[in-house]
């Protein structure tokens, strides 16, 4: 099981990537920062970076704001 944002559980499958998790949870926001077990993963690696059963994934939405 993959835990996402300390809130969602995604069933782990062999070969699962970060992109698979984003698709499963329907995360579509264009500005995301993702970490796996505390390590920030560059966007270029989301399609190929595999996650392991038990990994802790954080998906943060970057939102610009003003005063």
PDB file of N, CA and C in Angstrom:
ATOM      1  N   UNK A   1       0.846  -1.166   0.000  1.00  0.00           N
ATOM      2  CA  UNK A   1       0.000   0.000   0.000  1.00  0.00           C
ATOM      3  C   UNK A   1       0.900   1.240   0.000  1.00  0.00           C
ATOM      4  N   UNK A   2       0.527   2.229  -0.806  1.00  0.00           N
ATOM      5  CA  UNK A   2       1.238   3.498  -0.857  1.00  0.00           C
ATOM      6  C   UNK A   2       0.385   4.524  -0.117  1.00  0.00           C
ATOM      7  N   UNK A   3       0.991   5.234   0.817  1.00  0.00           N
ATOM      8  CA  UNK A   3       0.276   6.269   1.566  1.00  0.00           C
ATOM      9  C   UNK A   3       0.593   7.615   0.922  1.00  0.00           C
ATOM     10  N   UNK A   4      -0.453   8.372   0.556  1.00  0.00           N
ATOM     11  CA  UNK A   4      -0.283   9.656  -0.113  1.00  0.00           C
ATOM     12  C   UNK A   4      -0.871  10.756   0.767  1.00  0.00           C
ATOM     13  N   UNK A   5      -0.050  11.731   1.086  1.00  0.00           N
ATOM     14  CA  UNK A   5      -0.452  12.896   1.881  1.00  0.00           C
ATOM     15  C   UNK A   5      -1.047  12.517   3.236  1.00  0.00           C
ATOM     16  N   UNK A   6      -0.613  11.411   3.783  1.00  0.00           N
ATOM     17  CA  UNK A   6      -1.125  10.941   5.079  1.00  0.00           C
ATOM     18  C   UNK A   6      -2.648  10.836   5.085  1.00  0.00           C
ATOM     19  N   UNK A   7      -3.246  10.698   3.903  1.00  0.00           N
ATOM     20  CA  UNK A   7      -4.706  10.727   3.795  1.00  0.00           C
ATOM     21  C   UNK A   7      -5.266   9.636   2.884  1.00  0.00           C
ATOM     22  N   UNK A   8      -4.567   9.378   1.786  1.00  0.00           N
ATOM     23  CA  UNK A   8      -5.056   8.437   0.781  1.00  0.00           C
ATOM     24  C   UNK A   8      -4.174   7.188   0.745  1.00  0.00           C
ATOM     25  N   UNK A   9      -4.806   6.040   0.546  1.00  0.00           N
ATOM     26  CA  UNK A   9      -4.073   4.795   0.337  1.00  0.00           C
ATOM     27  C   UNK A   9      -4.293   4.340  -1.104  1.00  0.00           C
ATOM     28  N   UNK A  10      -3.203   4.019  -1.780  1.00  0.00           N
ATOM     29  CA  UNK A  10      -3.262   3.520  -3.155  1.00  0.00           C
ATOM     30  C   UNK A  10      -2.668   2.124  -3.139  1.00  0.00           C
ATOM     31  N   UNK A  11      -3.387   1.188  -3.707  1.00  0.00           N
ATOM     32  CA  UNK A  11      -2.883  -0.184  -3.743  1.00  0.00           C
ATOM     33  C   UNK A  11      -1.654  -0.246  -4.640  1.00  0.00           C
ATOM     34  N   UNK A  12      -0.566  -0.792  -4.086  1.00  0.00           N
ATOM     35  CA  UNK A  12       0.681  -0.885  -4.827  1.00  0.00           C
ATOM     36  C   UNK A  12       0.605  -2.009  -5.846  1.00  0.00           C
ATOM     37  N   UNK A  13       1.209  -1.732  -7.029  1.00  0.00           N
ATOM     38  CA  UNK A  13       1.336  -2.746  -8.080  1.00  0.00           C
ATOM     39  C   UNK A  13       2.784  -2.730  -8.561  1.00  0.00           C
ATOM     40  N   UNK A  14       3.350  -3.880  -8.903  1.00  0.00           N
ATOM     41  CA  UNK A  14       4.724  -3.906  -9.415  1.00  0.00           C
ATOM     42  C   UNK A  14       4.874  -2.964 -10.616  1.00  0.00           C
ATOM     43  N   UNK A  15       5.963  -2.190 -10.611  1.00  0.00           N
ATOM     44  CA  UNK A  15       6.227  -1.263 -11.702  1.00  0.00           C
ATOM     45  C   UNK A  15       5.496   0.060 -11.587  1.00  0.00           C
ATOM     46  N   UNK A  16       4.765   0.270 -10.501  1.00  0.00           N
ATOM     47  CA  UNK A  16       3.990   1.501 -10.323  1.00  0.00           C
ATOM     48  C   UNK A  16       4.919   2.716 -10.289  1.00  0.00           C
ATOM     49  N   UNK A  17       4.513   3.762 -10.999  1.00  0.00           N
ATOM     50  CA  UNK A  17       5.297   4.994 -11.044  1.00  0.00           C
ATOM     51  C   UNK A  17       4.540   6.126 -10.345  1.00  0.00           C
ATOM     52  N   UNK A  18       5.232   7.220 -10.168  1.00  0.00           N
ATOM     53  CA  UNK A  18       4.592   8.404  -9.601  1.00  0.00           C
ATOM     54  C   UNK A  18       3.424   8.832 -10.483  1.00  0.00           C
ATOM     55  N   UNK A  19       3.593   8.786 -11.789  1.00  0.00           N
ATOM     56  CA  UNK A  19       2.513   9.165 -12.704  1.00  0.00           C
ATOM     57  C   UNK A  19       1.283   8.280 -12.492  1.00  0.00           C
ATOM     58  N   UNK A  20       1.488   7.006 -12.242  1.00  0.00           N
ATOM     59  CA  UNK A  20       0.365   6.105 -11.964  1.00  0.00           C
ATOM     60  C   UNK A  20      -0.418   6.558 -10.728  1.00  0.00           C
ATOM     61  N   UNK A  21       0.299   6.978  -9.705  1.00  0.00           N
ATOM     62  CA  UNK A  21      -0.363   7.457  -8.483  1.00  0.00           C
ATOM     63  C   UNK A  21      -1.156   8.729  -8.780  1.00  0.00           C
ATOM     64  N   UNK A  22      -0.538   9.660  -9.516  1.00  0.00           N
ATOM     65  CA  UNK A  22      -1.243  10.900  -9.852  1.00  0.00           C
ATOM     66  C   UNK A  22      -2.517  10.610 -10.634  1.00  0.00           C
ATOM     67  N   UNK A  23      -2.436   9.678 -11.576  1.00  0.00           N
ATOM     68  CA  UNK A  23      -3.617   9.315 -12.368  1.00  0.00           C
ATOM     69  C   UNK A  23      -4.675   8.636 -11.503  1.00  0.00           C
ATOM     70  N   UNK A  24      -4.252   7.744 -10.625  1.00  0.00           N
ATOM     71  CA  UNK A  24      -5.176   7.023  -9.748  1.00  0.00           C
ATOM     72  C   UNK A  24      -5.980   7.979  -8.870  1.00  0.00           C
ATOM     73  N   UNK A  25      -5.290   8.992  -8.344  1.00  0.00           N
ATOM     74  CA  UNK A  25      -5.949   9.945  -7.445  1.00  0.00           C
ATOM     75  C   UNK A  25      -6.487  11.180  -8.171  1.00  0.00           C
ATOM     76  N   UNK A  26      -6.330  11.190  -9.493  1.00  0.00           N
ATOM     77  CA  UNK A  26      -6.839  12.274 -10.336  1.00  0.00           C
ATOM     78  C   UNK A  26      -6.266  13.646  -9.961  1.00  0.00           C
ATOM     79  N   UNK A  27      -4.977  13.658  -9.635  1.00  0.00           N
ATOM     80  CA  UNK A  27      -4.281  14.922  -9.416  1.00  0.00           C
ATOM     81  C   UNK A  27      -3.938  15.508 -10.774  1.00  0.00           C
ATOM     82  N   UNK A  28      -4.517  16.656 -11.096  1.00  0.00           N
ATOM     83  CA  UNK A  28      -4.295  17.258 -12.416  1.00  0.00           C
ATOM     84  C   UNK A  28      -3.747  18.678 -12.336  1.00  0.00           C
ATOM     85  N   UNK A  29      -3.593  19.203 -11.137  1.00  0.00           N
ATOM     86  CA  UNK A  29      -3.105  20.569 -10.984  1.00  0.00           C
ATOM     87  C   UNK A  29      -1.746  20.688 -11.663  1.00  0.00           C
ATOM     88  N   UNK A  30      -1.512  21.750 -12.447  1.00  0.00           N
ATOM     89  CA  UNK A  30      -0.269  21.831 -13.235  1.00  0.00           C
ATOM     90  C   UNK A  30       1.007  22.063 -12.416  1.00  0.00           C
ATOM     91  N   UNK A  31       0.897  22.675 -11.256  1.00  0.00           N
ATOM     92  CA  UNK A  31       2.093  22.983 -10.464  1.00  0.00           C
ATOM     93  C   UNK A  31       2.113  22.099  -9.215  1.00  0.00           C
ATOM     94  N   UNK A  32       2.843  20.987  -9.293  1.00  0.00           N
ATOM     95  CA  UNK A  32       2.936  20.054  -8.180  1.00  0.00           C
ATOM     96  C   UNK A  32       4.387  19.869  -7.764  1.00  0.00           C
ATOM     97  N   UNK A  33       4.581  19.603  -6.491  1.00  0.00           N
ATOM     98  CA  UNK A  33       5.877  19.161  -5.969  1.00  0.00           C
ATOM     99  C   UNK A  33       5.608  17.818  -5.322  1.00  0.00           C
ATOM    100  N   UNK A  34       6.422  16.835  -5.665  1.00  0.00           N
ATOM    101  CA  UNK A  34       6.209  15.482  -5.159  1.00  0.00           C
ATOM    102  C   UNK A  34       7.464  14.988  -4.454  1.00  0.00           C
ATOM    103  N   UNK A  35       7.239  14.380  -3.291  1.00  0.00           N
ATOM    104  CA  UNK A  35       8.352  13.745  -2.587  1.00  0.00           C
ATOM    105  C   UNK A  35       7.977  12.300  -2.287  1.00  0.00           C
ATOM    106  N   UNK A  36       8.993  11.457  -2.292  1.00  0.00           N
ATOM    107  CA  UNK A  36       8.838  10.056  -1.929  1.00  0.00           C
ATOM    108  C   UNK A  36       9.810   9.791  -0.782  1.00  0.00           C
ATOM    109  N   UNK A  37       9.260   9.441   0.361  1.00  0.00           N
ATOM    110  CA  UNK A  37      10.069   9.202   1.565  1.00  0.00           C
ATOM    111  C   UNK A  37      10.993  10.378   1.869  1.00  0.00           C
ATOM    112  N   UNK A  38      10.470  11.604   1.664  1.00  0.00           N
ATOM    113  CA  UNK A  38      11.220  12.814   1.981  1.00  0.00           C
ATOM    114  C   UNK A  38      12.133  13.320   0.888  1.00  0.00           C
ATOM    115  N   UNK A  39      12.253  12.610  -0.219  1.00  0.00           N
ATOM    116  CA  UNK A  39      13.122  13.026  -1.336  1.00  0.00           C
ATOM    117  C   UNK A  39      12.271  13.663  -2.427  1.00  0.00           C
ATOM    118  N   UNK A  40      12.595  14.919  -2.782  1.00  0.00           N
ATOM    119  CA  UNK A  40      11.878  15.609  -3.862  1.00  0.00           C
ATOM    120  C   UNK A  40      12.227  14.932  -5.182  1.00  0.00           C
ATOM    121  N   UNK A  41      11.188  14.636  -5.971  1.00  0.00           N
ATOM    122  CA  UNK A  41      11.385  13.957  -7.252  1.00  0.00           C
ATOM    123  C   UNK A  41      11.143  14.951  -8.387  1.00  0.00           C
ATOM    124  N   UNK A  42      12.137  15.168  -9.263  1.00  0.00           N
ATOM    125  CA  UNK A  42      11.958  16.093 -10.385  1.00  0.00           C
ATOM    126  C   UNK A  42      10.831  15.631 -11.314  1.00  0.00           C
ATOM    127  N   UNK A  43      10.125  16.586 -11.868  1.00  0.00           N
ATOM    128  CA  UNK A  43       8.989  16.285 -12.756  1.00  0.00           C
ATOM    129  C   UNK A  43       9.404  15.388 -13.916  1.00  0.00           C
ATOM    130  N   UNK A  44      10.625  15.523 -14.378  1.00  0.00           N
ATOM    131  CA  UNK A  44      11.111  14.720 -15.499  1.00  0.00           C
ATOM    132  C   UNK A  44      11.136  13.225 -15.161  1.00  0.00           C
ATOM    133  N   UNK A  45      11.113  12.889 -13.887  1.00  0.00           N
ATOM    134  CA  UNK A  45      11.192  11.487 -13.468  1.00  0.00           C
ATOM    135  C   UNK A  45       9.837  10.872 -13.102  1.00  0.00           C
ATOM    136  N   UNK A  46       8.769  11.646 -13.130  1.00  0.00           N
ATOM    137  CA  UNK A  46       7.469  11.146 -12.683  1.00  0.00           C
ATOM    138  C   UNK A  46       6.981   9.957 -13.494  1.00  0.00           C
ATOM    139  N   UNK A  47       7.282   9.928 -14.794  1.00  0.00           N
ATOM    140  CA  UNK A  47       6.810   8.828 -15.648  1.00  0.00           C
ATOM    141  C   UNK A  47       7.636   7.552 -15.481  1.00  0.00           C
ATOM    142  N   UNK A  48       8.846   7.687 -14.949  1.00  0.00           N
ATOM    143  CA  UNK A  48       9.735   6.529 -14.868  1.00  0.00           C
ATOM    144  C   UNK A  48      10.101   6.131 -13.438  1.00  0.00           C
ATOM    145  N   UNK A  49       9.978   7.046 -12.503  1.00  0.00           N
ATOM    146  CA  UNK A  49      10.362   6.763 -11.109  1.00  0.00           C
ATOM    147  C   UNK A  49       9.357   5.809 -10.474  1.00  0.00           C
ATOM    148  N   UNK A  50       9.830   4.619 -10.144  1.00  0.00           N
ATOM    149  CA  UNK A  50       8.957   3.623  -9.536  1.00  0.00           C
ATOM    150  C   UNK A  50       8.885   3.820  -8.030  1.00  0.00           C
ATOM    151  N   UNK A  51       7.725   3.514  -7.484  1.00  0.00           N
ATOM    152  CA  UNK A  51       7.528   3.555  -6.042  1.00  0.00           C
ATOM    153  C   UNK A  51       7.432   2.128  -5.527  1.00  0.00           C
ATOM    154  N   UNK A  52       7.791   1.964  -4.274  1.00  0.00           N
ATOM    155  CA  UNK A  52       7.792   0.644  -3.661  1.00  0.00           C
ATOM    156  C   UNK A  52       6.655   0.536  -2.646  1.00  0.00           C
ATOM    157  N   UNK A  53       6.223  -0.671  -2.408  1.00  0.00           N
ATOM    158  CA  UNK A  53       5.180  -0.918  -1.425  1.00  0.00           C
ATOM    159  C   UNK A  53       5.609  -0.324  -0.086  1.00  0.00           C
ATOM    160  N   UNK A  54       4.747   0.471   0.516  1.00  0.00           N
ATOM    161  CA  UNK A  54       5.039   1.082   1.799  1.00  0.00           C
ATOM    162  C   UNK A  54       5.635   2.473   1.718  1.00  0.00           C
ATOM    163  N   UNK A  55       5.931   2.965   0.505  1.00  0.00           N
ATOM    164  CA  UNK A  55       6.493   4.311   0.371  1.00  0.00           C
ATOM    165  C   UNK A  55       5.501   5.357   0.864  1.00  0.00           C
ATOM    166  N   UNK A  56       6.050   6.463   1.360  1.00  0.00           N
ATOM    167  CA  UNK A  56       5.267   7.609   1.804  1.00  0.00           C
ATOM    168  C   UNK A  56       5.415   8.703   0.753  1.00  0.00           C
ATOM    169  N   UNK A  57       4.319   9.038   0.085  1.00  0.00           N
ATOM    170  CA  UNK A  57       4.341  10.014  -1.007  1.00  0.00           C
ATOM    171  C   UNK A  57       3.595  11.264  -0.570  1.00  0.00           C
ATOM    172  N   UNK A  58       4.207  12.407  -0.843  1.00  0.00           N
ATOM    173  CA  UNK A  58       3.553  13.689  -0.583  1.00  0.00           C
ATOM    174  C   UNK A  58       3.386  14.402  -1.918  1.00  0.00           C
ATOM    175  N   UNK A  59       2.173  14.896  -2.163  1.00  0.00           N
ATOM    176  CA  UNK A  59       1.880  15.669  -3.369  1.00  0.00           C
ATOM    177  C   UNK A  59       1.409  17.031  -2.897  1.00  0.00           C
ATOM    178  N   UNK A  60       2.180  18.061  -3.210  1.00  0.00           N
ATOM    179  CA  UNK A  60       1.856  19.419  -2.790  1.00  0.00           C
ATOM    180  C   UNK A  60       1.476  20.256  -4.002  1.00  0.00           C
ATOM    181  N   UNK A  61       0.383  20.991  -3.875  1.00  0.00           N
ATOM    182  CA  UNK A  61      -0.050  21.908  -4.932  1.00  0.00           C
ATOM    183  C   UNK A  61       0.591  23.266  -4.677  1.00  0.00           C
ATOM    184  N   UNK A  62       1.289  23.782  -5.665  1.00  0.00           N
ATOM    185  CA  UNK A  62       1.907  25.095  -5.551  1.00  0.00           C
ATOM    186  C   UNK A  62       0.890  26.131  -6.005  1.00  0.00           C
ATOM    187  N   UNK A  63       0.625  27.069  -5.119  1.00  0.00           N
ATOM    188  CA  UNK A  63      -0.359  28.112  -5.414  1.00  0.00           C
ATOM    189  C   UNK A  63       0.299  29.462  -5.191  1.00  0.00           C
ATOM    190  N   UNK A  64       0.233  30.308  -6.209  1.00  0.00           N
ATOM    191  CA  UNK A  64       0.768  31.663  -6.094  1.00  0.00           C
ATOM    192  C   UNK A  64      -0.274  32.536  -5.415  1.00  0.00           C
ATOM    193  N   UNK A  65       0.199  33.462  -4.673  1.00  0.00           N
ATOM    194  CA  UNK A  65      -0.742  34.345  -3.985  1.00  0.00           C
ATOM    195  C   UNK A  65      -0.168  35.731  -3.850  1.00  0.00           C
ATOM    196  N   UNK A  66      -0.996  36.601  -3.444  1.00  0.00           N
ATOM    197  CA  UNK A  66      -0.576  37.987  -3.236  1.00  0.00           C
ATOM    198  C   UNK A  66      -0.833  38.386  -1.814  1.00  0.00           C
ATOM    199  N   UNK A  67      -0.911  39.647  -1.621  1.00  0.00           N
ATOM    200  CA  UNK A  67      -1.131  40.172  -0.291  1.00  0.00           C
ATOM    201  C   UNK A  67      -2.546  40.104   0.132  1.00  0.00           C
TER     202      UNK A  67
END
